C-alpha cells in the first residue's frame, strides 16, 4: 500500500491525553491496513538467518512507514520530544517505531484509579476566579475533564 493511499484525515493529531485513545485506535487500524503494525511491537524483523536484500528492504520500509505515520499524526511539540528521545536512546541515534509508540503509550494511556479519583475531586471542587488568568484556568479545567473522560469518570448533572 503506498503512502499516497493512506487517509490521514481520520486520524487527527495527537496533542495530549484527551485524544490519545481515539488517536491510538486510528493509528493501529491504519498501520494494520498498511501491513506495518508489527513494527510498533518490535516484531518487524528479518526471519531467516541469512537475509536477502529484498527481505531487509521490506523490514526497513515497514519501519519507515510506521515512524512516518507517528510523526505525521502528532503535534509539533511531540515530534520534537520524539526526536529528542531517539537521540538519547541510541548511539548513533536510530529511532524505531517501537520506541516512539511505547513512549506515547506510557505518556498518554489511562491513569491508575487513585489519580483518576483525585482528578474527579479536583473537577468537582473547581472554582474559577476572574483575575486575568481565566483562559489558563479553563485550559486546566479542560485537561482535568479530559483525563476524567479518558478514565470513564463522568460528572453528571445531579453532582452539581
C-alpha atoms as a PDB file:
ATOM      1  CA  UNK A   1       0.000   0.000   0.000  1.00  0.00           C
ATOM      2  CA  UNK A   2       1.552   3.280  -0.995  1.00  0.00           C
ATOM      3  CA  UNK A   3       1.617   6.202   1.383  1.00  0.00           C
ATOM      4  CA  UNK A   4      -0.495   8.239  -1.040  1.00  0.00           C
ATOM      5  CA  UNK A   5      -3.480   5.924  -0.430  1.00  0.00           C
ATOM      6  CA  UNK A   6      -3.339   6.183   3.388  1.00  0.00           C
ATOM      7  CA  UNK A   7      -6.036   8.585   4.598  1.00  0.00           C
ATOM      8  CA  UNK A   8      -4.540  10.557   7.489  1.00  0.00           C
ATOM      9  CA  UNK A   9      -7.552  12.851   7.838  1.00  0.00           C
ATOM     10  CA  UNK A  10      -9.398  10.308  10.008  1.00  0.00           C
ATOM     11  CA  UNK A  11      -6.519  10.013  12.452  1.00  0.00           C
ATOM     12  CA  UNK A  12      -6.242  13.588  13.600  1.00  0.00           C
ATOM     13  CA  UNK A  13      -3.298  14.996  15.521  1.00  0.00           C
ATOM     14  CA  UNK A  14      -2.263  13.666  18.908  1.00  0.00           C
ATOM     15  CA  UNK A  15      -1.897  16.630  21.234  1.00  0.00           C
ATOM     16  CA  UNK A  16      -2.437  15.291  24.744  1.00  0.00           C
ATOM     17  CA  UNK A  17      -4.092  12.613  26.833  1.00  0.00           C
ATOM     18  CA  UNK A  18      -7.607  13.714  25.902  1.00  0.00           C
ATOM     19  CA  UNK A  19      -7.413  12.388  22.342  1.00  0.00           C
ATOM     20  CA  UNK A  20      -4.870   9.585  22.833  1.00  0.00           C
ATOM     21  CA  UNK A  21      -7.360   6.691  22.875  1.00  0.00           C
ATOM     22  CA  UNK A  22      -9.023   7.676  19.588  1.00  0.00           C
ATOM     23  CA  UNK A  23      -5.669   8.505  18.001  1.00  0.00           C
ATOM     24  CA  UNK A  24      -4.124   5.162  19.021  1.00  0.00           C
ATOM     25  CA  UNK A  25      -7.047   3.185  17.595  1.00  0.00           C
ATOM     26  CA  UNK A  26      -6.857   5.022  14.270  1.00  0.00           C
ATOM     27  CA  UNK A  27      -3.065   4.614  14.048  1.00  0.00           C
ATOM     28  CA  UNK A  28      -3.385   0.895  14.757  1.00  0.00           C
ATOM     29  CA  UNK A  29      -6.107   0.457  12.132  1.00  0.00           C
ATOM     30  CA  UNK A  30      -4.106   2.398   9.556  1.00  0.00           C
ATOM     31  CA  UNK A  31      -0.892   0.500  10.327  1.00  0.00           C
ATOM     32  CA  UNK A  32      -2.657  -2.863  10.123  1.00  0.00           C
ATOM     33  CA  UNK A  33      -4.252  -1.869   6.823  1.00  0.00           C
ATOM     34  CA  UNK A  34      -0.842  -0.800   5.545  1.00  0.00           C
ATOM     35  CA  UNK A  35       0.732  -4.072   6.807  1.00  0.00           C
ATOM     36  CA  UNK A  36       3.277  -2.412   9.078  1.00  0.00           C
ATOM     37  CA  UNK A  37       1.657  -2.824  12.521  1.00  0.00           C
ATOM     38  CA  UNK A  38       4.298  -5.338  13.687  1.00  0.00           C
ATOM     39  CA  UNK A  39       6.879  -2.546  13.649  1.00  0.00           C
ATOM     40  CA  UNK A  40       5.219  -0.969  16.694  1.00  0.00           C
ATOM     41  CA  UNK A  41       5.558  -4.138  18.778  1.00  0.00           C
ATOM     42  CA  UNK A  42       9.160  -4.829  17.818  1.00  0.00           C
ATOM     43  CA  UNK A  43       8.238  -7.834  15.672  1.00  0.00           C
ATOM     44  CA  UNK A  44       9.396  -6.267  12.407  1.00  0.00           C
ATOM     45  CA  UNK A  45      12.432  -8.465  11.827  1.00  0.00           C
ATOM     46  CA  UNK A  46      14.036 -10.497   9.099  1.00  0.00           C
ATOM     47  CA  UNK A  47      13.095 -14.093   9.905  1.00  0.00           C
ATOM     48  CA  UNK A  48      15.850 -16.095   8.219  1.00  0.00           C
ATOM     49  CA  UNK A  49      19.447 -16.368   9.432  1.00  0.00           C
ATOM     50  CA  UNK A  50      20.758 -15.282   6.040  1.00  0.00           C
ATOM     51  CA  UNK A  51      18.501 -12.427   4.965  1.00  0.00           C
ATOM     52  CA  UNK A  52      18.374 -11.388   1.370  1.00  0.00           C
ATOM     53  CA  UNK A  53      18.226  -7.764   0.294  1.00  0.00           C
ATOM     54  CA  UNK A  54      14.520  -7.928  -0.558  1.00  0.00           C
ATOM     55  CA  UNK A  55      13.510  -9.072   2.937  1.00  0.00           C
ATOM     56  CA  UNK A  56      15.747  -6.454   4.554  1.00  0.00           C
ATOM     57  CA  UNK A  57      14.255  -3.750   2.337  1.00  0.00           C
ATOM     58  CA  UNK A  58      10.725  -4.816   3.330  1.00  0.00           C
ATOM     59  CA  UNK A  59      11.609  -4.613   7.020  1.00  0.00           C
ATOM     60  CA  UNK A  60      13.168  -1.170   6.539  1.00  0.00           C
ATOM     61  CA  UNK A  61      10.164   0.016   4.528  1.00  0.00           C
ATOM     62  CA  UNK A  62       7.693  -1.120   7.190  1.00  0.00           C
ATOM     63  CA  UNK A  63       9.760   0.623   9.870  1.00  0.00           C
ATOM     64  CA  UNK A  64       9.896   3.873   7.886  1.00  0.00           C
ATOM     65  CA  UNK A  65       6.136   3.780   7.250  1.00  0.00           C
ATOM     66  CA  UNK A  66       5.465   3.188  10.947  1.00  0.00           C
ATOM     67  CA  UNK A  67       7.704   6.074  12.034  1.00  0.00           C
ATOM     68  CA  UNK A  68       6.287   8.324   9.319  1.00  0.00           C
ATOM     69  CA  UNK A  69       2.712   7.644  10.426  1.00  0.00           C
ATOM     70  CA  UNK A  70       3.544   8.551  14.015  1.00  0.00           C
ATOM     71  CA  UNK A  71       5.481  11.688  13.152  1.00  0.00           C
ATOM     72  CA  UNK A  72       2.797  12.828  10.705  1.00  0.00           C
ATOM     73  CA  UNK A  73      -0.021  12.467  13.254  1.00  0.00           C
ATOM     74  CA  UNK A  74       1.426  14.011  16.419  1.00  0.00           C
ATOM     75  CA  UNK A  75       1.690  17.672  17.351  1.00  0.00           C
ATOM     76  CA  UNK A  76       4.912  19.546  16.562  1.00  0.00           C
ATOM     77  CA  UNK A  77       5.817  19.564  20.267  1.00  0.00           C
ATOM     78  CA  UNK A  78       5.509  15.786  20.432  1.00  0.00           C
ATOM     79  CA  UNK A  79       7.607  15.454  17.252  1.00  0.00           C
ATOM     80  CA  UNK A  80      10.409  17.370  18.919  1.00  0.00           C
ATOM     81  CA  UNK A  81      10.026  15.214  22.043  1.00  0.00           C
ATOM     82  CA  UNK A  82      10.214  12.001  19.996  1.00  0.00           C
ATOM     83  CA  UNK A  83      13.303  13.197  18.131  1.00  0.00           C
ATOM     84  CA  UNK A  84      14.992  14.021  21.441  1.00  0.00           C
ATOM     85  CA  UNK A  85      14.019  10.604  22.774  1.00  0.00           C
ATOM     86  CA  UNK A  86      15.576   8.896  19.757  1.00  0.00           C
ATOM     87  CA  UNK A  87      18.760  10.902  20.166  1.00  0.00           C
ATOM     88  CA  UNK A  88      19.050   9.895  23.806  1.00  0.00           C
ATOM     89  CA  UNK A  89      18.344   6.155  23.405  1.00  0.00           C
ATOM     90  CA  UNK A  90      20.900   5.032  20.844  1.00  0.00           C
ATOM     91  CA  UNK A  91      24.400   5.719  19.597  1.00  0.00           C
ATOM     92  CA  UNK A  92      24.259   6.584  16.772  1.00  0.00           C
ATOM     93  CA  UNK A  93      20.598   7.651  17.000  1.00  0.00           C
ATOM     94  CA  UNK A  94      18.436   5.054  15.284  1.00  0.00           C
ATOM     95  CA  UNK A  95      14.817   5.738  16.176  1.00  0.00           C
ATOM     96  CA  UNK A  96      12.412   2.855  15.957  1.00  0.00           C
ATOM     97  CA  UNK A  97       8.663   2.977  15.804  1.00  0.00           C
ATOM     98  CA  UNK A  98       8.579   0.638  18.810  1.00  0.00           C
ATOM     99  CA  UNK A  99      10.434   3.205  20.964  1.00  0.00           C
ATOM    100  CA  UNK A 100       8.167   6.026  19.787  1.00  0.00           C
ATOM    101  CA  UNK A 101       4.953   4.004  20.266  1.00  0.00           C
ATOM    102  CA  UNK A 102       5.900   2.853  23.766  1.00  0.00           C
ATOM    103  CA  UNK A 103       6.830   6.390  24.796  1.00  0.00           C
ATOM    104  CA  UNK A 104       3.496   7.821  23.635  1.00  0.00           C
ATOM    105  CA  UNK A 105       1.570   4.945  25.185  1.00  0.00           C
ATOM    106  CA  UNK A 106       3.321   5.344  28.545  1.00  0.00           C
ATOM    107  CA  UNK A 107       2.784   9.103  28.472  1.00  0.00           C
ATOM    108  CA  UNK A 108      -0.881   9.223  27.494  1.00  0.00           C
ATOM    109  CA  UNK A 109      -2.585   5.950  28.373  1.00  0.00           C
ATOM    110  CA  UNK A 110      -5.018   5.743  31.272  1.00  0.00           C
ATOM    111  CA  UNK A 111      -4.014   6.709  34.794  1.00  0.00           C
ATOM    112  CA  UNK A 112      -4.334   4.462  37.802  1.00  0.00           C
ATOM    113  CA  UNK A 113      -7.506   4.549  39.905  1.00  0.00           C
ATOM    114  CA  UNK A 114      -6.228   6.837  42.662  1.00  0.00           C
ATOM    115  CA  UNK A 115      -5.102   9.581  40.275  1.00  0.00           C
ATOM    116  CA  UNK A 116      -8.416   9.357  38.450  1.00  0.00           C
ATOM    117  CA  UNK A 117     -10.304   9.916  41.695  1.00  0.00           C
ATOM    118  CA  UNK A 118      -8.072  12.875  42.562  1.00  0.00           C
ATOM    119  CA  UNK A 119      -8.829  14.371  39.145  1.00  0.00           C
ATOM    120  CA  UNK A 120     -12.554  13.832  39.745  1.00  0.00           C
ATOM    121  CA  UNK A 121     -12.295  15.546  43.145  1.00  0.00           C
ATOM    122  CA  UNK A 122     -10.483  18.475  41.529  1.00  0.00           C
ATOM    123  CA  UNK A 123     -13.167  18.683  38.861  1.00  0.00           C
ATOM    124  CA  UNK A 124     -15.978  18.730  41.424  1.00  0.00           C
ATOM    125  CA  UNK A 125     -14.286  21.411  43.554  1.00  0.00           C
ATOM    126  CA  UNK A 126     -13.330  23.683  40.659  1.00  0.00           C
ATOM    127  CA  UNK A 127     -13.712  27.407  41.250  1.00  0.00           C
ATOM    128  CA  UNK A 128     -12.864  29.942  38.582  1.00  0.00           C
ATOM    129  CA  UNK A 129     -11.549  33.354  39.596  1.00  0.00           C
ATOM    130  CA  UNK A 130     -11.721  36.316  37.214  1.00  0.00           C
ATOM    131  CA  UNK A 131      -8.212  37.624  37.821  1.00  0.00           C
ATOM    132  CA  UNK A 132      -6.972  37.897  34.250  1.00  0.00           C
ATOM    133  CA  UNK A 133      -5.958  34.227  34.044  1.00  0.00           C
ATOM    134  CA  UNK A 134      -9.380  32.855  33.183  1.00  0.00           C
ATOM    135  CA  UNK A 135      -8.176  31.264  29.932  1.00  0.00           C
ATOM    136  CA  UNK A 136      -5.390  29.384  31.749  1.00  0.00           C
ATOM    137  CA  UNK A 137      -7.868  28.224  34.413  1.00  0.00           C
ATOM    138  CA  UNK A 138     -10.253  26.974  31.723  1.00  0.00           C
ATOM    139  CA  UNK A 139      -7.393  25.129  29.998  1.00  0.00           C
ATOM    140  CA  UNK A 140      -6.523  23.365  33.265  1.00  0.00           C
ATOM    141  CA  UNK A 141     -10.194  22.542  33.791  1.00  0.00           C
ATOM    142  CA  UNK A 142     -10.471  21.137  30.259  1.00  0.00           C
ATOM    143  CA  UNK A 143      -7.369  18.963  30.746  1.00  0.00           C
ATOM    144  CA  UNK A 144      -8.767  17.646  34.039  1.00  0.00           C
ATOM    145  CA  UNK A 145     -12.129  16.930  32.429  1.00  0.00           C
ATOM    146  CA  UNK A 146     -10.376  15.143  29.551  1.00  0.00           C
ATOM    147  CA  UNK A 147      -8.426  12.917  31.942  1.00  0.00           C
ATOM    148  CA  UNK A 148     -11.663  12.079  33.754  1.00  0.00           C
ATOM    149  CA  UNK A 149     -13.407  11.277  30.467  1.00  0.00           C
ATOM    150  CA  UNK A 150     -10.486   9.117  29.369  1.00  0.00           C
ATOM    151  CA  UNK A 151     -10.851   7.114  32.569  1.00  0.00           C
ATOM    152  CA  UNK A 152     -14.648   6.867  32.087  1.00  0.00           C
ATOM    153  CA  UNK A 153     -15.414   9.135  35.059  1.00  0.00           C
ATOM    154  CA  UNK A 154     -18.299  11.470  34.346  1.00  0.00           C
ATOM    155  CA  UNK A 155     -19.652  14.463  36.210  1.00  0.00           C
ATOM    156  CA  UNK A 156     -23.406  14.048  35.953  1.00  0.00           C
ATOM    157  CA  UNK A 157     -25.815  16.986  36.216  1.00  0.00           C
ATOM    158  CA  UNK A 158     -27.005  15.858  39.657  1.00  0.00           C
ATOM    159  CA  UNK A 159     -23.415  16.199  41.024  1.00  0.00           C
ATOM    160  CA  UNK A 160     -23.566  19.949  40.618  1.00  0.00           C
END
